[in-house]
Protein backbone atom coordinates (compact mmCIF):
# COMPACT_ATOMS: atom_id res chain seq x y z
CA MET A 1 -4.64 6.24 23.14
CA SER A 2 -2.05 3.73 22.10
CA ARG A 3 0.99 5.15 19.77
CA LEU A 4 0.31 2.93 16.87
CA ALA A 5 -0.19 4.36 13.11
CA LEU A 6 -1.04 1.95 10.54
CA PHE A 7 -0.41 3.60 6.84
CA ASP A 8 -1.58 2.18 3.49
CA LEU A 9 1.15 1.50 1.11
CA ASP A 10 0.28 2.48 -2.56
CA GLY A 11 -1.29 5.70 -3.22
CA THR A 12 -0.52 6.65 0.53
CA LEU A 13 3.40 6.26 1.26
CA ALA A 14 4.34 5.24 -2.07
CA ASP A 15 3.53 6.20 -5.90
CA ARG A 16 2.44 3.30 -7.40
CA GLN A 17 1.07 4.71 -10.56
CA SER A 18 4.27 6.22 -11.68
CA ALA A 19 5.84 2.90 -11.20
CA LEU A 20 3.31 0.84 -12.41
CA SER A 21 3.49 3.01 -16.08
CA ASP A 22 7.22 2.76 -15.85
CA ALA A 23 7.08 -0.92 -14.93
CA VAL A 24 4.83 -1.99 -17.84
CA THR A 25 7.08 -0.06 -20.58
CA GLY A 26 10.01 -1.69 -19.24
CA MET A 27 8.13 -5.10 -19.43
CA CYS A 28 6.61 -4.26 -23.25
CA ARG A 29 10.17 -2.94 -24.95
CA ALA A 30 12.09 -6.28 -23.35
CA HIS A 31 9.11 -8.73 -24.68
CA ALA A 32 8.57 -6.98 -28.05
CA LEU A 33 5.00 -6.78 -26.88
CA PRO A 34 2.18 -5.21 -29.04
CA PRO A 35 0.52 -1.77 -28.21
CA ALA A 36 -2.51 -4.26 -27.44
CA ALA A 37 -0.68 -5.90 -24.76
CA GLU A 38 0.58 -2.87 -23.04
CA GLN A 39 -2.97 -1.11 -23.09
CA TRP A 40 -4.20 -4.71 -21.56
CA LEU A 41 -1.48 -4.64 -19.02
CA ARG A 42 -2.27 -0.80 -18.29
CA THR A 43 -6.29 -1.43 -17.33
CA GLU A 44 -5.82 -4.95 -15.74
CA LEU A 45 -2.97 -4.13 -13.35
CA VAL A 46 -4.43 -0.49 -12.73
CA ASP A 47 -5.61 -1.57 -8.93
CA ARG A 48 -3.62 -4.61 -8.11
CA ALA A 49 -1.39 -7.19 -9.56
CA ASN A 50 -0.66 -10.79 -9.10
CA VAL A 51 0.75 -13.98 -10.71
CA ALA A 52 -2.31 -14.79 -12.02
CA ASP A 53 -2.30 -11.43 -14.30
CA PHE A 54 0.50 -12.81 -16.37
CA ALA A 55 -0.64 -16.35 -16.64
CA ARG A 56 -3.39 -14.56 -18.68
CA LEU A 57 -1.34 -12.19 -20.11
CA ARG A 58 0.69 -15.19 -21.61
CA GLU A 59 -2.10 -17.05 -22.44
CA ILE A 60 -3.52 -13.93 -24.19
CA PHE A 61 -0.96 -12.92 -26.36
CA GLY A 62 0.92 -16.15 -26.57
CA LEU A 63 4.01 -15.49 -24.79
CA GLU A 64 6.58 -18.58 -24.33
CA VAL A 65 7.82 -17.06 -21.01
CA PRO A 66 6.54 -18.93 -17.84
CA ALA A 67 4.03 -16.56 -16.02
CA ALA A 68 6.07 -17.36 -12.90
CA ASP A 69 9.00 -15.50 -14.52
CA LEU A 70 6.79 -12.53 -16.10
CA TRP A 71 5.59 -12.06 -12.75
CA GLN A 72 8.96 -11.64 -11.04
CA GLU A 73 10.21 -9.72 -13.78
CA TYR A 74 7.13 -7.11 -12.90
CA VAL A 75 7.94 -7.50 -9.27
CA ASP A 76 11.51 -6.55 -9.80
CA LEU A 77 10.78 -3.64 -12.32
CA MET A 78 8.28 -2.46 -9.70
CA SER A 79 10.37 -2.31 -6.98
CA ALA A 80 13.11 -0.43 -8.81
CA ALA A 81 10.74 2.14 -10.24
CA VAL A 82 8.67 2.92 -7.05
CA THR A 83 9.28 5.99 -4.89
CA CYS A 84 8.61 7.44 -1.58
CA ARG A 85 9.41 11.26 -1.28
CA PRO A 86 12.18 11.96 1.25
CA GLU A 87 9.67 14.40 3.45
CA VAL A 88 7.72 11.27 3.82
CA LEU A 89 10.65 8.89 5.05
CA GLU A 90 11.61 11.74 7.23
CA GLY A 91 8.23 12.37 8.72
CA LEU A 92 8.34 8.62 9.67
CA ALA A 93 11.48 8.94 11.30
CA CYS A 94 10.34 11.44 13.22
CA LEU A 95 7.24 9.34 14.32
CA ARG A 96 9.69 6.32 15.60
CA ALA A 97 11.49 8.95 17.31
CA ALA A 98 8.48 9.89 19.22
CA ALA A 99 7.87 6.65 20.13
CA TRP A 100 5.23 5.64 17.55
CA THR A 101 4.81 2.10 16.54
CA ILE A 102 4.59 2.08 12.80
CA GLY A 103 2.62 -0.69 10.55
CA ILE A 104 2.00 -0.96 6.96
CA ILE A 105 -1.65 -2.45 6.09
CA THR A 106 -1.77 -3.11 2.31
CA ASN A 107 -4.11 -4.69 -0.54
CA GLY A 108 -1.67 -6.71 -2.76
CA ALA A 109 0.62 -9.77 -3.19
CA GLY A 110 2.93 -10.14 -0.29
CA ASP A 111 6.24 -10.48 -2.57
CA ILE A 112 5.54 -7.41 -4.29
CA GLN A 113 4.24 -5.25 -1.77
CA ARG A 114 8.00 -6.14 0.23
CA ALA A 115 9.67 -5.41 -2.75
CA LYS A 116 8.26 -1.82 -2.48
CA LEU A 117 8.84 -1.74 0.96
CA ALA A 118 12.39 -2.05 0.53
CA GLY A 119 12.78 -0.43 -2.80
CA THR A 120 11.80 2.69 -1.33
CA GLY A 121 13.45 2.61 2.16
CA LEU A 122 10.08 2.31 4.03
CA ALA A 123 11.29 -1.37 5.18
CA ASP A 124 13.31 0.18 7.55
CA LEU A 125 11.32 2.52 9.08
CA VAL A 126 8.21 0.25 10.00
CA ASP A 127 7.81 -2.38 12.68
CA GLY A 128 5.14 -4.47 10.93
CA VAL A 129 3.64 -5.47 7.68
CA ALA A 130 0.13 -7.02 6.69
CA ALA A 131 -0.39 -7.58 2.87
CA SER A 132 -3.87 -9.05 1.92
CA GLY A 133 -1.90 -11.72 -0.03
CA ASP A 134 -0.96 -12.97 3.43
CA LEU A 135 -4.10 -14.43 4.43
CA GLU A 136 -5.87 -14.03 1.02
CA ILE A 137 -8.27 -11.18 2.71
CA ARG A 138 -8.45 -7.49 1.67
CA LYS A 139 -8.95 -4.45 3.43
CA PRO A 140 -11.62 -3.87 5.08
CA ASP A 141 -11.61 -6.98 6.69
CA ARG A 142 -11.11 -6.52 10.30
CA ARG A 143 -8.34 -9.60 10.11
CA LEU A 144 -6.03 -7.95 8.23
CA PHE A 145 -5.95 -5.37 10.58
CA GLU A 146 -5.29 -7.40 13.74
CA LEU A 147 -2.31 -9.10 11.67
CA ALA A 148 -0.68 -5.72 11.01
CA ALA A 149 -1.20 -4.69 14.97
CA THR A 150 0.43 -8.43 15.70
CA ARG A 151 3.11 -8.05 13.62
CA CYS A 152 3.88 -4.80 15.16
CA GLY A 153 3.89 -6.37 18.18
CA VAL A 154 0.95 -4.85 20.03
CA SER A 155 -2.91 -5.07 20.25
CA LEU A 156 -5.34 -3.78 18.37
CA ALA A 157 -7.51 -3.26 21.33
CA ASP A 158 -5.47 -0.60 22.52
CA GLY A 159 -6.49 1.55 19.83
CA GLY A 160 -4.35 3.82 17.26
CA TRP A 161 -4.59 5.07 13.81
CA MET A 162 -5.44 4.17 10.31
CA ILE A 163 -4.03 6.53 7.21
CA GLY A 164 -5.13 5.81 3.69
CA ASP A 165 -6.62 6.93 0.49
CA ASP A 166 -9.38 4.37 0.16
CA PRO A 167 -12.64 5.57 1.81
CA THR A 168 -14.00 2.22 1.91
CA GLY A 169 -10.87 -0.16 2.82
CA ASP A 170 -8.50 2.26 4.88
CA ILE A 171 -11.08 4.27 6.68
CA GLY A 172 -14.04 2.13 6.79
CA GLY A 173 -11.97 -0.71 7.82
CA GLY A 174 -9.96 1.41 10.33
CA HIS A 175 -13.45 2.35 11.79
CA GLN A 176 -14.76 -1.25 12.13
CA ALA A 177 -11.18 -2.17 13.73
CA GLY A 178 -11.91 0.61 16.20
CA LEU A 179 -8.98 2.99 14.98
CA ARG A 180 -9.36 7.02 14.71
CA THR A 181 -8.73 7.76 10.83
CA ILE A 182 -7.13 10.34 8.39
CA TRP A 183 -8.04 10.29 4.62
CA LEU A 184 -6.16 11.28 1.98
CA ARG A 185 -8.54 12.88 0.18
CA GLY A 186 -9.12 12.51 -3.73
CA ARG A 187 -11.45 9.36 -4.19
CA PRO A 188 -15.11 9.33 -4.17
CA TRP A 189 -16.47 9.29 -0.80
CA PRO A 190 -19.16 6.31 -0.66
CA GLU A 191 -22.55 7.54 0.52
CA GLY A 192 -23.42 6.23 4.45
CA LEU A 193 -19.43 5.98 5.10
CA PRO A 194 -18.49 7.42 8.54
CA ALA A 195 -16.57 10.79 8.26
CA ALA A 196 -12.69 10.14 9.05
CA HIS A 197 -11.30 11.94 12.03
CA HIS A 198 -9.05 13.94 9.95
CA VAL A 199 -8.93 14.94 6.15
CA VAL A 200 -5.76 16.01 4.73
CA ASP A 201 -4.09 16.56 1.34
CA ASP A 202 -1.06 15.08 1.46
CA VAL A 203 0.07 12.00 4.17
CA THR A 204 2.76 14.69 5.54
CA ASP A 205 0.09 16.57 6.56
CA ALA A 206 -1.19 13.30 8.54
CA ILE A 207 2.25 12.96 10.24
CA THR A 208 1.98 16.25 11.37
CA ILE A 209 -1.05 15.47 13.26
CA LEU A 210 0.38 12.24 14.74
CA LEU A 211 3.10 14.18 15.93
CA ASN A 212 1.04 16.72 17.58
CA GLU A 213 -0.93 14.08 19.26
CA THR A 214 2.22 13.00 20.74
CA LEU A 215 2.75 16.34 22.34
CA GLU A 216 -1.01 16.84 23.91
């Protein structure tokens, strides 16, 4: 089994929801946006965000600031607000020390996902990143998994692991890509989806499983 570990980013390694709340609050204060605009942003950006969302925000609420500027402001706010717990960073460092190759595979625009990686310190601990915005395809599409492996300098054909919180995108996609899987429980499990190889409550538990694999 290849020592390749692909991790989801939002909701797995990084706390996107808290960062989203802080970023939206900051943006609304900076532009004196009405409560309706704040609620719109929280609803529209709950799962993902891209520049088109801010073009719609600008149109609906009559803002004069260009959509590209609003988007960049949001990217900067998110990268400043997003966090990754120290014990997660330490766990990834232990994986690297044990000769694991670590990749990130994430649904989201490439610029904001890479800004989050830089802001959290994760960028220094991963070998490759594949964001859905890079190819305009999303997990569970196998091509995104192949891109992640390639950017890590390995072949998906050699196997490895996928760790994430999304049953369909992470676990279903990981199965289709020929990977073993670890699911961070929380979201409803779709009927008919094959079970993950392991189920954990925290990503640090997943890292422990991988480190134990190293010892076997």
